[in-house]
Amino acid sequence: MIDPGLVQALTIRLEAILRSRPQGLSEHELIVLLQEDEHPLFRPDVFRDSLALFRAHFLLFHALYRLSDELSAQGRGQVRVDPLRIALEPGPRTDGSSLDRHDPLREYYLDPEPLAHATRADIESMLGRFWTRLHADARRHEALAAFDLREPVTYASSASAIASW
């Protein structure tokens, strides 16, 4: 269960951090700052344990999406939620997204069930699937390079490359 009081305190701290860093910061940088604050949701060992890291990540994104909803409802901007760059953005979203559009990640992180039911085995399985997909993607690029192909690959471009090979 997500403690609403801790999440509210976290959203207040996140807004202060994001306002002090208008250029934004990465998820990792944000977690480190929260650890320096000795925030109770971000223990010092969070990066050493996959389940603890998942919980910290989930709670952080949960709070970021709540903050974004709150700021948007008040007309004070929105939060760009991305692991590589988290930032406050003034006014309506400029990337074509909005709270009115379907956002599966937002829905995922605002639902407390994944956090409540996550086990170490679930997280290890998720990480395994991620690394498998990442490796498969790298192998695809190697295969395309072998035929001097680049994305996006069409039937015509691949047939032509194979015929000339």
C-alpha atoms as a PDB file:
ATOM      1  CA  MET A   1       0.000   0.000   0.000  1.00  0.00           C
ATOM      2  CA  ILE A   2       1.237   3.470  -0.847  1.00  0.00           C
ATOM      3  CA  ASP A   3       1.159   5.845   2.130  1.00  0.00           C
ATOM      4  CA  PRO A   4      -0.622   8.994   0.861  1.00  0.00           C
ATOM      5  CA  GLY A   5       1.131  11.190   3.446  1.00  0.00           C
ATOM      6  CA  LEU A   6       4.588  10.072   2.327  1.00  0.00           C
ATOM      7  CA  VAL A   7       3.640  10.496  -1.319  1.00  0.00           C
ATOM      8  CA  GLN A   8       2.310  14.006  -0.684  1.00  0.00           C
ATOM      9  CA  ALA A   9       5.525  14.952   1.133  1.00  0.00           C
ATOM     10  CA  LEU A  10       7.472  13.470  -1.771  1.00  0.00           C
ATOM     11  CA  THR A  11       5.527  15.474  -4.377  1.00  0.00           C
ATOM     12  CA  ILE A  12       6.229  18.688  -2.442  1.00  0.00           C
ATOM     13  CA  ARG A  13       9.962  17.880  -2.338  1.00  0.00           C
ATOM     14  CA  LEU A  14       9.968  16.869  -6.015  1.00  0.00           C
ATOM     15  CA  GLU A  15       8.400  20.147  -7.054  1.00  0.00           C
ATOM     16  CA  ALA A  16      11.044  22.080  -5.093  1.00  0.00           C
ATOM     17  CA  ILE A  17      13.863  20.045  -6.665  1.00  0.00           C
ATOM     18  CA  LEU A  18      12.451  20.383 -10.184  1.00  0.00           C
ATOM     19  CA  ARG A  19      11.947  24.140  -9.790  1.00  0.00           C
ATOM     20  CA  SER A  20      15.588  24.473  -8.692  1.00  0.00           C
ATOM     21  CA  ARG A  21      16.720  22.524 -11.772  1.00  0.00           C
ATOM     22  CA  PRO A  22      14.862  24.009 -14.758  1.00  0.00           C
ATOM     23  CA  GLN A  23      17.046  22.038 -17.168  1.00  0.00           C
ATOM     24  CA  GLY A  24      15.747  18.839 -15.586  1.00  0.00           C
ATOM     25  CA  LEU A  25      17.643  15.842 -14.298  1.00  0.00           C
ATOM     26  CA  SER A  26      17.767  12.093 -14.745  1.00  0.00           C
ATOM     27  CA  GLU A  27      15.919   9.611 -12.594  1.00  0.00           C
ATOM     28  CA  HIS A  28      19.226   8.493 -11.113  1.00  0.00           C
ATOM     29  CA  GLU A  29      20.204  12.058 -10.186  1.00  0.00           C
ATOM     30  CA  LEU A  30      16.794  12.596  -8.618  1.00  0.00           C
ATOM     31  CA  ILE A  31      17.002   9.410  -6.533  1.00  0.00           C
ATOM     32  CA  VAL A  32      20.492  10.384  -5.332  1.00  0.00           C
ATOM     33  CA  LEU A  33      19.185  13.811  -4.230  1.00  0.00           C
ATOM     34  CA  LEU A  34      16.327  12.154  -2.356  1.00  0.00           C
ATOM     35  CA  GLN A  35      18.803   9.803  -0.684  1.00  0.00           C
ATOM     36  CA  GLU A  36      20.880  12.809   0.380  1.00  0.00           C
ATOM     37  CA  ASP A  37      17.688  14.227   1.930  1.00  0.00           C
ATOM     38  CA  GLU A  38      17.421  10.902   3.786  1.00  0.00           C
ATOM     39  CA  HIS A  39      13.906  10.534   2.411  1.00  0.00           C
ATOM     40  CA  PRO A  40      12.338   7.430   4.009  1.00  0.00           C
ATOM     41  CA  LEU A  41      11.255   5.999   0.640  1.00  0.00           C
ATOM     42  CA  PHE A  42      14.799   6.040  -0.801  1.00  0.00           C
ATOM     43  CA  ARG A  43      17.143   3.973   1.341  1.00  0.00           C
ATOM     44  CA  PRO A  44      20.926   4.193   0.838  1.00  0.00           C
ATOM     45  CA  ASP A  45      21.073   0.609  -0.513  1.00  0.00           C
ATOM     46  CA  VAL A  46      18.372   1.157  -3.165  1.00  0.00           C
ATOM     47  CA  PHE A  47      20.774   0.652  -6.097  1.00  0.00           C
ATOM     48  CA  ARG A  48      22.081  -2.659  -4.741  1.00  0.00           C
ATOM     49  CA  ASP A  49      18.798  -4.556  -4.647  1.00  0.00           C
ATOM     50  CA  SER A  50      16.550  -5.024  -7.692  1.00  0.00           C
ATOM     51  CA  LEU A  51      13.324  -5.141  -5.677  1.00  0.00           C
ATOM     52  CA  ALA A  52      14.259  -2.034  -3.649  1.00  0.00           C
ATOM     53  CA  LEU A  53      15.181  -0.238  -6.872  1.00  0.00           C
ATOM     54  CA  PHE A  54      11.866  -1.208  -8.496  1.00  0.00           C
ATOM     55  CA  ARG A  55       9.979   0.090  -5.464  1.00  0.00           C
ATOM     56  CA  ALA A  56      11.933   3.371  -5.451  1.00  0.00           C
ATOM     57  CA  HIS A  57      11.434   3.784  -9.199  1.00  0.00           C
ATOM     58  CA  PHE A  58       7.725   3.003  -8.967  1.00  0.00           C
ATOM     59  CA  LEU A  59       7.133   5.370  -6.038  1.00  0.00           C
ATOM     60  CA  LEU A  60       9.115   8.122  -7.722  1.00  0.00           C
ATOM     61  CA  PHE A  61       7.145   7.841 -10.958  1.00  0.00           C
ATOM     62  CA  HIS A  62       3.888   7.533  -9.010  1.00  0.00           C
ATOM     63  CA  ALA A  63       4.675  10.816  -7.229  1.00  0.00           C
ATOM     64  CA  LEU A  64       5.845  12.497 -10.454  1.00  0.00           C
ATOM     65  CA  TYR A  65       2.618  11.648 -12.277  1.00  0.00           C
ATOM     66  CA  ARG A  66       0.569  12.832  -9.283  1.00  0.00           C
ATOM     67  CA  LEU A  67       2.564  16.074  -9.214  1.00  0.00           C
ATOM     68  CA  SER A  68       2.045  16.514 -12.947  1.00  0.00           C
ATOM     69  CA  ASP A  69      -1.712  16.013 -12.561  1.00  0.00           C
ATOM     70  CA  GLU A  70      -1.809  18.488  -9.670  1.00  0.00           C
ATOM     71  CA  LEU A  71       0.185  21.154 -11.516  1.00  0.00           C
ATOM     72  CA  SER A  72      -1.860  20.675 -14.672  1.00  0.00           C
ATOM     73  CA  ALA A  73      -5.153  20.995 -12.789  1.00  0.00           C
ATOM     74  CA  GLN A  74      -3.893  24.255 -11.274  1.00  0.00           C
ATOM     75  CA  GLY A  75      -2.660  25.539 -14.633  1.00  0.00           C
ATOM     76  CA  ARG A  76       0.931  25.638 -13.363  1.00  0.00           C
ATOM     77  CA  GLY A  77       2.477  23.369 -15.987  1.00  0.00           C
ATOM     78  CA  GLN A  78       3.225  19.666 -16.124  1.00  0.00           C
ATOM     79  CA  VAL A  79       6.066  17.288 -15.378  1.00  0.00           C
ATOM     80  CA  ARG A  80       8.018  15.605 -18.150  1.00  0.00           C
ATOM     81  CA  VAL A  81       8.348  12.048 -16.816  1.00  0.00           C
ATOM     82  CA  ASP A  82      11.171  10.169 -18.497  1.00  0.00           C
ATOM     83  CA  PRO A  83      14.037   8.238 -16.866  1.00  0.00           C
ATOM     84  CA  LEU A  84      16.610  10.285 -18.781  1.00  0.00           C
ATOM     85  CA  ARG A  85      15.062  13.713 -18.210  1.00  0.00           C
ATOM     86  CA  ILE A  86      12.539  14.689 -15.597  1.00  0.00           C
ATOM     87  CA  ALA A  87      11.612  18.365 -15.716  1.00  0.00           C
ATOM     88  CA  LEU A  88       8.886  20.876 -15.048  1.00  0.00           C
ATOM     89  CA  GLU A  89       7.407  22.232 -18.239  1.00  0.00           C
ATOM     90  CA  PRO A  90       5.360  25.403 -18.215  1.00  0.00           C
ATOM     91  CA  GLY A  91       1.914  25.461 -19.772  1.00  0.00           C
ATOM     92  CA  PRO A  92       0.378  22.673 -21.801  1.00  0.00           C
ATOM     93  CA  ARG A  93       2.483  19.799 -23.092  1.00  0.00           C
ATOM     94  CA  THR A  94       4.307  20.561 -26.322  1.00  0.00           C
ATOM     95  CA  ASP A  95       5.089  16.950 -27.245  1.00  0.00           C
ATOM     96  CA  GLY A  96       1.553  16.161 -28.353  1.00  0.00           C
ATOM     97  CA  SER A  97       0.596  14.375 -25.150  1.00  0.00           C
ATOM     98  CA  SER A  98      -1.938  15.539 -22.627  1.00  0.00           C
ATOM     99  CA  LEU A  99      -3.844  14.262 -19.661  1.00  0.00           C
ATOM    100  CA  ASP A 100      -6.831  13.777 -21.957  1.00  0.00           C
ATOM    101  CA  ARG A 101      -4.993  11.224 -24.082  1.00  0.00           C
ATOM    102  CA  HIS A 102      -4.478   7.593 -23.159  1.00  0.00           C
ATOM    103  CA  ASP A 103      -1.086   7.199 -21.465  1.00  0.00           C
ATOM    104  CA  PRO A 104      -0.445   3.573 -20.438  1.00  0.00           C
ATOM    105  CA  LEU A 105       2.667   4.441 -18.391  1.00  0.00           C
ATOM    106  CA  ARG A 106       0.796   7.079 -16.409  1.00  0.00           C
ATOM    107  CA  GLU A 107      -2.005   4.580 -15.748  1.00  0.00           C
ATOM    108  CA  TYR A 108       0.527   1.923 -14.689  1.00  0.00           C
ATOM    109  CA  TYR A 109       2.334   4.142 -12.196  1.00  0.00           C
ATOM    110  CA  LEU A 110      -0.836   5.644 -10.716  1.00  0.00           C
ATOM    111  CA  ASP A 111      -2.212   2.149  -9.991  1.00  0.00           C
ATOM    112  CA  PRO A 112      -0.779   0.928  -6.645  1.00  0.00           C
ATOM    113  CA  GLU A 113      -1.372  -2.753  -7.488  1.00  0.00           C
ATOM    114  CA  PRO A 114       1.917  -3.429  -9.358  1.00  0.00           C
ATOM    115  CA  LEU A 115       3.855  -2.130  -6.368  1.00  0.00           C
ATOM    116  CA  ALA A 116       1.764  -4.043  -3.845  1.00  0.00           C
ATOM    117  CA  HIS A 117       2.189  -7.369  -5.646  1.00  0.00           C
ATOM    118  CA  ALA A 118       5.735  -7.117  -7.017  1.00  0.00           C
ATOM    119  CA  THR A 119       8.029  -9.901  -5.872  1.00  0.00           C
ATOM    120  CA  ARG A 120      11.752 -10.318  -6.337  1.00  0.00           C
ATOM    121  CA  ALA A 121      11.034 -13.105  -8.852  1.00  0.00           C
ATOM    122  CA  ASP A 122       8.730 -10.766 -10.837  1.00  0.00           C
ATOM    123  CA  ILE A 123      11.396  -8.074 -10.990  1.00  0.00           C
ATOM    124  CA  GLU A 124      14.141 -10.520 -11.965  1.00  0.00           C
ATOM    125  CA  SER A 125      11.874 -11.896 -14.713  1.00  0.00           C
ATOM    126  CA  MET A 126      11.119  -8.378 -15.965  1.00  0.00           C
ATOM    127  CA  LEU A 127      14.826  -7.533 -16.022  1.00  0.00           C
ATOM    128  CA  GLY A 128      15.580 -10.777 -17.851  1.00  0.00           C
ATOM    129  CA  ARG A 129      13.023  -9.945 -20.547  1.00  0.00           C
ATOM    130  CA  PHE A 130      14.459  -6.437 -20.858  1.00  0.00           C
ATOM    131  CA  TRP A 131      18.021  -7.702 -21.376  1.00  0.00           C
ATOM    132  CA  THR A 132      16.801 -10.343 -23.842  1.00  0.00           C
ATOM    133  CA  ARG A 133      14.990  -7.694 -25.920  1.00  0.00           C
ATOM    134  CA  LEU A 134      17.964  -5.345 -25.732  1.00  0.00           C
ATOM    135  CA  HIS A 135      20.327  -8.096 -26.883  1.00  0.00           C
ATOM    136  CA  ALA A 136      17.946  -9.115 -29.680  1.00  0.00           C
ATOM    137  CA  ASP A 137      17.788  -5.499 -30.850  1.00  0.00           C
ATOM    138  CA  ALA A 138      21.586  -5.307 -30.915  1.00  0.00           C
ATOM    139  CA  ARG A 139      21.712  -8.555 -32.921  1.00  0.00           C
ATOM    140  CA  ARG A 140      19.172  -7.109 -35.377  1.00  0.00           C
ATOM    141  CA  HIS A 141      21.409  -4.096 -35.961  1.00  0.00           C
ATOM    142  CA  GLU A 142      24.349  -6.428 -36.542  1.00  0.00           C
ATOM    143  CA  ALA A 143      22.320  -8.436 -39.065  1.00  0.00           C
ATOM    144  CA  LEU A 144      21.155  -5.308 -40.890  1.00  0.00           C
ATOM    145  CA  ALA A 145      24.720  -3.991 -41.016  1.00  0.00           C
ATOM    146  CA  ALA A 146      25.893  -7.278 -42.533  1.00  0.00           C
ATOM    147  CA  PHE A 147      23.575  -6.587 -45.492  1.00  0.00           C
ATOM    148  CA  ASP A 148      24.294  -2.841 -45.465  1.00  0.00           C
ATOM    149  CA  LEU A 149      20.693  -2.097 -44.474  1.00  0.00           C
ATOM    150  CA  ARG A 150      19.382   0.617 -42.170  1.00  0.00           C
ATOM    151  CA  GLU A 151      16.044   1.127 -40.413  1.00  0.00           C
ATOM    152  CA  PRO A 152      13.349   1.272 -41.527  1.00  0.00           C
ATOM    153  CA  VAL A 153      13.751  -1.912 -43.531  1.00  0.00           C
ATOM    154  CA  THR A 154      11.221  -2.553 -46.277  1.00  0.00           C
ATOM    155  CA  TYR A 155      10.669  -5.691 -48.294  1.00  0.00           C
ATOM    156  CA  ALA A 156      12.051  -3.933 -51.392  1.00  0.00           C
ATOM    157  CA  SER A 157      15.240  -2.733 -49.677  1.00  0.00           C
ATOM    158  CA  SER A 158      15.934  -6.109 -48.076  1.00  0.00           C
ATOM    159  CA  ALA A 159      15.215  -8.055 -51.300  1.00  0.00           C
ATOM    160  CA  SER A 160      17.516  -5.741 -53.226  1.00  0.00           C
ATOM    161  CA  ALA A 161      20.297  -6.039 -50.661  1.00  0.00           C
ATOM    162  CA  ILE A 162      20.052  -9.826 -50.497  1.00  0.00           C
ATOM    163  CA  ALA A 163      19.981 -10.108 -54.311  1.00  0.00           C
ATOM    164  CA  SER A 164      23.154  -8.041 -54.630  1.00  0.00           C
ATOM    165  CA  TRP A 165      24.894  -9.948 -51.861  1.00  0.00           C
END
